[in-house]
Protein backbone atom coordinates (compact mmCIF):
# COMPACT_ATOMS: atom_id res chain seq x y z
CA MET A 1 0.04 -0.04 0.13
CA TYR A 2 1.09 3.38 -1.13
CA ARG A 3 1.93 5.58 2.20
CA VAL A 4 3.68 9.01 2.02
CA SER A 5 7.20 8.93 4.42
CA ARG A 6 6.66 10.35 7.68
CA PHE A 7 9.25 12.92 7.03
CA VAL A 8 7.13 15.03 4.93
CA PRO A 9 4.84 16.08 7.87
CA ARG A 10 8.15 16.89 9.66
CA PHE A 11 9.26 19.17 6.95
CA ALA A 12 5.90 21.07 7.25
CA ALA A 13 6.05 21.23 11.04
CA CYS A 14 9.49 22.69 10.88
CA LEU A 15 8.62 25.15 8.08
CA LEU A 16 5.41 26.28 10.25
CA ALA A 17 7.37 26.72 13.45
CA GLY A 18 10.25 28.83 12.02
CA ALA A 19 7.38 31.04 10.33
CA ALA A 20 5.35 31.64 13.47
CA LEU A 21 8.51 32.24 15.40
CA ALA A 22 9.13 35.11 12.78
CA LEU A 23 5.63 36.41 12.54
CA ILE A 24 6.15 37.15 16.37
CA TRP A 25 9.22 38.64 15.97
CA ALA A 26 8.47 41.01 13.13
CA ASN A 27 5.34 42.39 15.02
CA LEU A 28 6.83 42.63 18.58
CA ASP A 29 10.03 44.24 17.03
CA PRO A 30 10.13 44.73 13.33
CA GLN A 31 13.64 46.87 13.08
CA SER A 32 15.66 43.90 15.02
CA TYR A 33 13.94 41.22 12.93
CA SER A 34 15.05 43.09 9.48
CA ASP A 35 18.55 43.53 11.11
CA PHE A 36 18.64 39.85 11.73
CA VAL A 37 17.28 38.71 8.30
CA GLU A 38 19.61 40.73 6.12
CA TYR A 39 22.94 40.99 8.57
CA ARG A 40 26.16 41.08 6.49
CA LEU A 41 28.04 37.91 6.98
CA ALA A 42 30.67 38.35 4.20
CA ASP A 43 31.65 41.14 1.91
CA HIS A 44 33.91 40.38 -1.03
CA SER A 45 32.38 36.65 -0.78
CA LEU A 46 32.48 34.01 -3.59
CA ILE A 47 28.76 33.30 -2.74
CA GLY A 48 25.99 36.07 -2.28
CA TYR A 49 23.96 39.10 -3.87
CA PRO A 50 26.37 40.26 -7.05
CA ASN A 51 28.03 43.91 -7.07
CA PRO A 52 27.44 45.57 -9.97
CA ASP A 53 30.50 47.68 -9.42
CA ALA A 54 32.88 45.01 -8.37
CA ALA A 55 36.08 44.81 -10.10
CA PHE A 56 36.12 41.15 -9.80
CA PRO A 57 32.84 39.89 -10.01
CA LEU A 58 33.21 36.19 -9.12
CA PHE A 59 35.11 37.19 -5.71
CA ASP A 60 33.22 40.32 -4.98
CA ARG A 61 29.56 39.41 -3.62
CA THR A 62 27.63 40.11 -0.54
CA LEU A 63 27.06 37.50 1.72
CA THR A 64 23.66 38.02 3.87
CA LEU A 65 21.75 35.70 6.10
CA ALA A 66 18.89 35.67 3.86
CA TYR A 67 20.95 34.57 0.75
CA LEU A 68 22.75 31.90 2.92
CA VAL A 69 19.69 30.32 3.75
CA GLY A 70 17.31 30.71 0.84
CA GLN A 71 19.90 30.25 -1.80
CA ALA A 72 22.76 28.21 -0.60
CA LEU A 73 21.20 25.89 2.15
CA MET A 74 17.46 25.30 0.46
CA ALA A 75 19.13 23.84 -2.23
CA LEU A 76 19.57 20.78 -0.29
CA PHE A 77 15.46 21.05 -0.06
CA PHE A 78 15.06 21.29 -3.70
CA LEU A 79 17.59 18.62 -4.09
CA TYR A 80 15.28 16.30 -1.86
CA ILE A 81 12.16 17.00 -3.73
CA GLY A 82 13.53 17.38 -7.15
CA LYS A 83 14.68 13.44 -6.68
CA GLU A 84 11.15 12.42 -6.13
CA LEU A 85 9.99 14.35 -9.65
CA TRP A 86 12.81 12.55 -11.46
CA GLU A 87 12.41 9.11 -9.96
CA ALA A 88 8.37 9.45 -10.51
CA LEU A 89 9.00 10.27 -14.30
CA VAL A 90 12.01 8.97 -15.50
CA LEU A 91 12.47 5.63 -13.33
CA ARG A 92 10.67 2.67 -15.51
CA HIS A 93 8.82 1.84 -12.59
CA GLY A 94 8.13 5.61 -11.54
CA ALA A 95 4.47 6.39 -10.23
CA PHE A 96 4.28 8.82 -13.54
CA HIS A 97 6.50 7.16 -15.90
CA GLY A 98 5.63 7.78 -19.60
CA ARG A 99 2.56 8.79 -20.72
CA ARG A 100 1.31 8.49 -17.26
CA ALA A 101 2.91 11.98 -16.52
CA LEU A 102 0.77 13.89 -19.14
CA GLY A 103 -2.07 14.33 -16.71
CA PRO A 104 -0.43 15.73 -13.70
CA LEU A 105 2.06 17.62 -15.69
CA VAL A 106 -0.32 19.39 -17.65
CA ALA A 107 -2.72 20.06 -14.77
CA ALA A 108 0.82 21.60 -12.81
CA ALA A 109 1.52 23.71 -15.88
CA VAL A 110 -2.01 25.25 -16.25
CA ALA A 111 -2.15 25.46 -12.33
CA ALA A 112 0.98 27.65 -12.86
CA ALA A 113 -0.33 29.81 -15.49
CA VAL A 114 -3.74 30.45 -14.45
CA PRO A 115 -3.06 32.00 -10.94
CA ALA A 116 -0.55 34.27 -12.44
CA LEU A 117 -3.15 35.42 -15.13
CA VAL A 118 -5.43 35.92 -12.30
CA TYR A 119 -2.85 38.35 -10.54
CA LEU A 120 -1.83 40.27 -13.55
CA GLY A 121 -5.38 40.96 -14.16
CA LEU A 122 -6.04 42.06 -10.52
CA SER A 123 -2.85 43.70 -10.06
CA GLY A 124 -3.72 46.72 -11.96
CA PHE A 125 -6.78 47.23 -10.12
CA VAL A 126 -5.88 47.23 -6.72
CA ALA A 127 -2.23 47.89 -6.43
CA ASP A 128 -1.64 50.33 -3.83
CA PRO A 129 0.89 51.59 -3.31
CA PRO A 130 1.60 51.21 -7.53
CA LEU A 131 3.71 48.45 -8.66
CA PRO A 132 7.29 49.29 -10.07
CA TYR A 133 5.97 48.17 -13.34
CA SER A 134 3.11 46.64 -14.72
CA GLY A 135 2.30 43.32 -13.56
CA ALA A 136 5.51 43.03 -11.42
CA GLY A 137 5.35 40.18 -9.00
CA TRP A 138 3.40 37.91 -11.30
CA PRO A 139 5.46 34.60 -10.64
CA VAL A 140 4.60 35.21 -7.08
CA PRO A 141 1.48 33.25 -7.21
CA MET A 142 2.64 30.36 -9.62
CA ALA A 143 3.85 27.78 -7.11
CA GLY A 144 2.68 26.81 -3.46
CA ASP A 145 4.26 24.99 -0.65
CA VAL A 146 5.18 20.95 -1.27
CA ALA A 147 5.02 19.74 2.45
CA LEU A 148 2.26 22.02 3.85
CA SER A 149 0.38 20.75 0.79
CA TYR A 150 0.89 17.65 1.52
CA LEU A 151 -0.37 17.98 5.35
CA VAL A 152 -3.43 19.73 4.12
CA GLY A 153 -4.31 17.19 1.58
CA ARG A 154 -3.82 14.28 3.36
CA ALA A 155 -6.38 15.62 6.34
CA ALA A 156 -8.86 16.50 3.42
CA LEU A 157 -8.48 13.15 1.25
CA GLY A 158 -6.84 10.57 3.68
CA ARG A 159 -3.76 9.12 4.18
CA ASP A 160 -3.61 6.32 1.39
CA HIS A 161 -5.97 8.51 -1.41
CA PRO A 162 -4.53 8.13 -5.05
CA ALA A 163 -5.42 11.89 -5.25
CA LEU A 164 -2.79 12.57 -2.50
CA ARG A 165 0.20 11.34 -4.92
CA TYR A 166 -1.32 13.76 -7.77
CA LEU A 167 -1.41 16.39 -5.50
CA LEU A 168 2.54 16.00 -4.35
CA LEU A 169 3.41 15.42 -8.26
CA VAL A 170 1.63 18.83 -9.34
CA ALA A 171 2.83 20.48 -6.33
CA ILE A 172 6.82 19.53 -6.74
CA ALA A 173 6.29 20.23 -10.60
CA ASP A 174 4.80 23.49 -10.08
CA ASP A 175 7.65 24.53 -7.60
CA ILE A 176 10.49 23.77 -9.79
CA LEU A 177 8.78 25.55 -12.85
CA ALA A 178 8.13 28.60 -10.71
CA LEU A 179 11.62 28.85 -9.82
CA LEU A 180 12.98 28.33 -13.27
CA ILE A 181 10.64 30.71 -14.92
CA THR A 182 11.35 33.50 -11.74
CA GLY A 183 15.18 32.83 -12.26
CA ILE A 184 14.89 33.57 -16.44
CA ALA A 185 12.40 36.03 -15.88
CA VAL A 186 14.36 38.01 -13.11
CA PRO A 187 17.56 36.93 -13.30
CA ILE A 188 19.90 37.56 -10.12
CA GLY A 189 22.36 39.85 -11.77
CA SER A 190 22.57 39.55 -15.34
CA LEU A 191 21.78 36.29 -17.38
CA GLN A 192 25.02 34.82 -18.41
CA PRO A 193 24.20 31.11 -20.02
CA VAL A 194 27.59 30.19 -20.61
CA TRP A 195 28.36 29.57 -16.79
CA LEU A 196 25.43 26.77 -17.31
CA LEU A 197 28.27 24.69 -18.74
CA LEU A 198 29.43 24.31 -14.92
CA PRO A 199 26.26 22.33 -13.99
CA LEU A 200 26.50 20.31 -16.99
CA GLY A 201 29.95 19.35 -17.09
CA ALA A 202 30.02 18.55 -13.06
CA SER A 203 26.98 16.41 -13.75
CA LEU A 204 28.36 14.51 -16.76
CA ALA A 205 31.79 13.99 -15.25
CA VAL A 206 30.79 12.65 -11.78
CA TRP A 207 28.52 10.22 -13.93
CA LEU A 208 31.17 8.79 -16.08
CA MET A 209 33.82 8.57 -13.40
CA PHE A 210 31.56 6.88 -10.46
CA ASN A 211 28.50 5.66 -12.33
CA ALA A 212 28.61 5.02 -15.83
CA GLY A 213 32.29 4.19 -16.47
CA PRO A 214 32.63 1.52 -13.57
CA ARG A 215 29.73 -0.28 -14.78
CA TRP A 216 31.28 -0.19 -18.28
CA ARG A 217 34.56 -1.53 -17.15
CA ASP A 218 32.90 -4.23 -15.03
CA GLY A 219 30.99 -5.66 -18.01
CA ASP A 220 29.69 -8.95 -17.08
CA ASP A 221 32.03 -9.63 -14.17
CA PRO A 222 29.99 -10.92 -11.39
CA LEU A 223 31.85 -9.41 -8.57
CA LYS A 224 31.85 -5.87 -10.05
CA PRO A 225 35.37 -4.63 -8.60
CA ALA A 226 35.17 -1.37 -10.55
CA GLN A 227 31.89 -0.55 -8.90
CA ARG A 228 32.88 -1.55 -5.41
CA ALA A 229 35.69 0.57 -5.67
CA ALA A 230 33.54 3.58 -6.76
CA LEU A 231 31.04 3.33 -3.75
CA ARG A 232 34.38 3.32 -1.57
CA PHE A 233 33.77 6.95 -1.93
CA GLY A 234 29.99 7.42 -0.85
CA ALA A 235 28.51 10.67 -1.65
CA TRP A 236 31.49 12.92 -1.79
CA PRO A 237 32.33 12.82 -5.36
CA TYR A 238 28.37 14.11 -5.64
CA ALA A 239 29.11 16.56 -3.33
CA VAL A 240 31.81 18.36 -5.09
CA ALA A 241 30.14 18.10 -8.48
CA GLY A 242 26.97 19.47 -6.61
CA VAL A 243 29.24 22.66 -5.40
CA ILE A 244 30.47 23.28 -8.48
CA SER A 245 26.98 23.18 -9.96
CA TRP A 246 25.39 25.45 -7.61
CA LEU A 247 28.24 27.84 -8.31
CA GLY A 248 27.66 27.73 -12.07
CA MET A 249 23.83 28.22 -11.43
CA GLN A 250 24.50 31.23 -9.28
CA GLN A 251 27.11 32.62 -12.11
CA ALA A 252 24.49 32.34 -14.59
CA GLY A 253 22.15 34.39 -12.83
CA LEU A 254 19.39 32.05 -12.21
CA MET A 255 18.09 30.63 -9.13
CA PRO A 256 20.94 29.25 -7.28
CA ALA A 257 18.61 27.12 -4.99
CA LEU A 258 18.44 24.78 -8.04
CA GLY A 259 21.77 24.34 -8.39
CA LEU A 260 21.86 20.90 -7.00
CA LEU A 261 19.23 19.30 -9.73
CA PRO A 262 21.62 18.87 -12.28
CA ILE A 263 23.21 16.00 -10.53
CA ILE A 264 20.54 14.08 -9.56
CA PRO A 265 20.47 11.99 -12.85
CA ALA A 266 24.25 11.53 -12.26
CA VAL A 267 23.63 9.53 -8.62
CA PRO A 268 23.50 5.87 -8.72
CA HIS A 269 19.71 4.95 -8.12
CA ALA A 270 17.22 2.28 -7.69
CA ASP A 271 15.29 1.06 -10.96
CA HIS A 272 12.16 1.53 -8.89
CA SER A 273 9.88 4.10 -7.29
CA PHE A 274 7.26 3.42 -5.03
CA GLY A 275 5.46 6.66 -5.37
CA VAL A 276 6.40 10.48 -4.61
CA PHE A 277 7.64 10.61 -0.87
CA ALA A 278 6.91 6.76 -0.32
CA GLU A 279 7.52 5.39 2.92
CA ALA A 280 8.55 2.05 1.43
CA GLU A 281 11.71 3.90 -0.22
CA THR A 282 13.24 3.96 3.14
CA VAL A 283 14.32 0.71 3.09
CA LEU A 284 16.06 1.08 -0.57
CA SER A 285 19.95 1.03 -0.28
CA ASP A 286 20.85 2.90 -3.38
CA LEU A 287 22.82 5.81 -3.16
CA LEU A 288 20.24 8.31 -4.17
CA ASN A 289 17.94 7.29 -1.42
CA ARG A 290 20.71 6.84 1.19
CA ILE A 291 21.61 10.76 0.50
CA ALA A 292 17.94 11.39 0.74
CA ARG A 293 17.55 9.88 4.00
CA ARG A 294 20.77 11.81 5.37
CA LEU A 295 19.42 14.94 4.44
CA VAL A 296 16.03 14.52 6.46
CA VAL A 297 17.56 15.75 9.43
CA PRO A 298 19.40 18.78 7.62
CA VAL A 299 16.81 19.89 5.73
CA SER A 300 14.20 19.58 8.49
CA VAL A 301 16.32 22.42 10.49
CA ILE A 302 16.79 24.13 7.16
CA LEU A 303 13.38 24.65 6.59
CA PHE A 304 12.78 26.12 10.26
CA VAL A 305 15.54 28.69 9.80
CA PHE A 306 13.81 29.20 6.04
CA GLY A 307 10.62 30.10 7.76
CA LEU A 308 12.29 32.31 10.38
CA THR A 309 14.25 34.35 7.81
CA HIS A 310 11.80 34.63 5.00
CA ALA A 311 8.31 34.56 6.67
CA GLY A 312 8.08 37.68 9.11
CA VAL A 313 6.01 40.22 8.41
CA PRO A 314 3.72 43.13 10.35
CA LEU A 315 0.08 42.38 10.20
CA HIS A 316 -0.63 45.80 9.59
CA SER A 317 0.99 46.00 6.25
CA ALA A 318 -2.17 44.57 4.34
CA ASN A 319 -2.26 46.31 1.12
CA GLY A 320 -3.60 45.95 -2.58
CA GLU A 321 -0.60 43.54 -3.01
CA THR A 322 -2.23 41.47 -0.29
CA LEU A 323 -5.49 41.17 -2.00
CA ALA A 324 -3.75 40.17 -5.44
CA VAL A 325 -1.25 37.84 -4.21
CA ALA A 326 -4.10 36.10 -1.69
CA LEU A 327 -7.21 36.02 -4.64
CA ALA A 328 -4.40 34.91 -7.34
CA LEU A 329 -3.63 31.92 -5.34
CA LEU A 330 -7.40 31.29 -3.53
CA ILE A 331 -9.04 31.30 -7.04
CA GLY A 332 -6.61 30.97 -9.56
CA LYS A 333 -4.89 27.85 -8.11
CA PRO A 334 -7.88 25.37 -8.01
CA LEU A 335 -9.13 26.76 -11.38
CA GLY A 336 -5.96 26.17 -12.78
CA VAL A 337 -5.88 22.48 -11.17
CA ILE A 338 -9.22 21.68 -12.60
CA LEU A 339 -8.83 23.12 -16.22
CA GLY A 340 -5.40 21.76 -16.66
CA ALA A 341 -6.83 17.90 -15.44
CA ALA A 342 -9.83 18.69 -17.79
CA LEU A 343 -7.63 19.50 -20.72
CA ALA A 344 -5.58 16.41 -19.94
CA MET A 345 -8.75 14.24 -19.96
CA ARG A 346 -10.32 15.69 -23.00
CA LEU A 347 -7.63 16.48 -25.25
CA LEU A 348 -5.03 14.40 -24.63
CA HIS A 349 -6.86 11.21 -23.33
CA ARG A 350 -5.51 11.20 -20.05
CA PRO A 351 -7.52 10.07 -17.51
CA LEU A 352 -7.19 10.72 -13.74
CA PRO A 353 -5.41 7.85 -11.54
CA GLN A 354 -7.40 5.03 -10.63
CA GLY A 355 -9.13 5.88 -7.71
CA MET A 356 -9.50 9.49 -7.96
CA ALA A 357 -12.85 11.03 -9.04
CA PRO A 358 -13.19 14.61 -11.07
CA ALA A 359 -14.67 15.89 -7.59
CA ASP A 360 -11.05 15.47 -5.71
CA LEU A 361 -9.54 17.67 -8.06
CA ILE A 362 -11.52 20.88 -5.89
CA PRO A 363 -9.66 19.62 -2.48
CA VAL A 364 -6.48 18.86 -4.50
CA GLY A 365 -6.58 22.09 -5.85
CA LEU A 366 -7.48 23.97 -2.83
CA ALA A 367 -4.47 22.26 -0.90
CA ALA A 368 -2.02 23.07 -4.03
CA ALA A 369 -3.41 27.05 -3.43
CA ILE A 370 -1.46 27.28 0.00
CA GLY A 371 1.66 29.47 -0.88
CA PHE A 372 4.92 29.46 0.94
CA THR A 373 8.24 28.28 0.22
CA VAL A 374 8.92 28.87 -3.16
CA PRO A 375 6.28 32.23 -3.80
CA LEU A 376 8.53 33.65 -0.86
CA PHE A 377 11.82 33.28 -3.39
CA ALA A 378 9.78 35.11 -6.43
CA ILE A 379 8.71 37.80 -3.77
CA ASP A 380 12.22 38.52 -2.93
CA ALA A 381 13.19 38.58 -6.64
CA THR A 382 10.35 40.63 -8.25
CA LEU A 383 9.36 42.99 -5.86
CA PRO A 384 11.04 45.81 -4.29
CA GLY A 385 11.63 45.86 -0.49
CA GLY A 386 9.27 47.63 2.12
CA VAL A 387 5.19 47.53 1.81
CA LEU A 388 5.07 45.79 -1.53
CA ARG A 389 7.08 42.85 -0.35
CA GLU A 390 5.17 42.86 2.93
CA GLY A 391 2.02 42.96 1.53
CA ALA A 392 2.65 40.20 -0.81
CA ARG A 393 3.73 37.63 1.78
CA LEU A 394 0.90 38.51 4.10
CA GLY A 395 -1.15 37.61 1.32
CA LEU A 396 0.75 34.06 1.47
CA LEU A 397 -0.53 33.94 4.98
CA VAL A 398 -3.86 34.63 3.85
CA SER A 399 -3.76 31.66 1.45
CA LEU A 400 -3.69 29.51 4.24
CA LEU A 401 -7.53 29.84 4.33
CA ALA A 402 -7.37 27.25 1.42
CA ALA A 403 -6.90 24.78 4.23
CA PRO A 404 -10.18 24.38 5.81
CA ALA A 405 -11.72 24.91 2.47
CA ALA A 406 -9.91 21.59 1.34
CA LEU A 407 -11.01 20.01 4.34
CA LEU A 408 -14.87 20.98 3.52
CA THR A 409 -14.60 19.87 0.14
CA GLY A 410 -12.92 16.56 0.63
CA PRO A 411 -14.03 12.99 0.14
CA ARG A 412 -14.59 12.38 3.53
CA ARG A 413 -17.28 15.16 3.66
CA ARG A 414 -18.87 14.34 0.47
CA GLY A 415 -19.52 10.78 1.85
CA ARG A 416 -17.23 8.91 0.11
């Protein structure tokens, strides 16, 4: 029976705990909270925000606590969820391998596009204060939060409901898609695509040296000496490749938080996936799953610190941006999930997963409407600091109202 790992609720609890502490701190002493978040750790650093006037741009960045947590440490979280998406889509026995992926991926794409369109339609009418340019902030409502969406979805649908796996894939795909689009549309510094050769080269090199190469040298030898020798290095070659890949993503001007994703296909992995965040995968001994298990505690701590450093907002900062973000998520996301699934069913002839009814798309869409982790990245990238950014963050808190709506529309309340 498919069960989601107990680690996912732990991630949600840590994120909420950090966000709650940030909310209290930001309202009791907003100045000290702001000083804490923007604390400058280093000037002339290899990592951090680019300095446009730097004589040596590679080594003249400003590293703040917010950048360290959001763009560097959170890369481990996106490695964790990227691994689940890759396994579900690529592995021969993945939960959404082949044509089975079309339905949820189309739903994810439409579920990202519709909230952005709703936001664009609303922002011109409710923007107060005015946006720096028309439609600024449109990537904010494209994604939600994987851990929180799962927590609400499990309560609304039930722990073993097939719609829960569908929800997780839509949420993960939306998060990664939104980060990619935000990075391309609003790069950190100037876009320099040539630096993307670093992630590509690091992934290819570590795959050839420690994965494909040893398998080719062993051939039909049942003792597999080359593969055994490569395994003695453990995860270290992939960690080194990950650092190189991350630096390449940063220098390219894209979201460094996605910098570890190119390494995932290079890591030795099992040929079977039990489902997105499946509890059964805790018994697998391949290197990719072992790495994921080792990341559980660090990622839990990182999510707490991310909530603490990114979620603080004074409650009196409500403005037009709050309304635009909240409505784009609460209306646009469920509508996008439903439209995307209908498009996949009618035009692509891809049915919903067995055991999932069309009515289940309503709680799925509402659970996916809870915006937090990735929208916070988009807020920092697309909106200027001050009242606009604070108002948008408050809009994300308002999106938590989707949770009781999902519970009210779940199959348990419908008598199923």
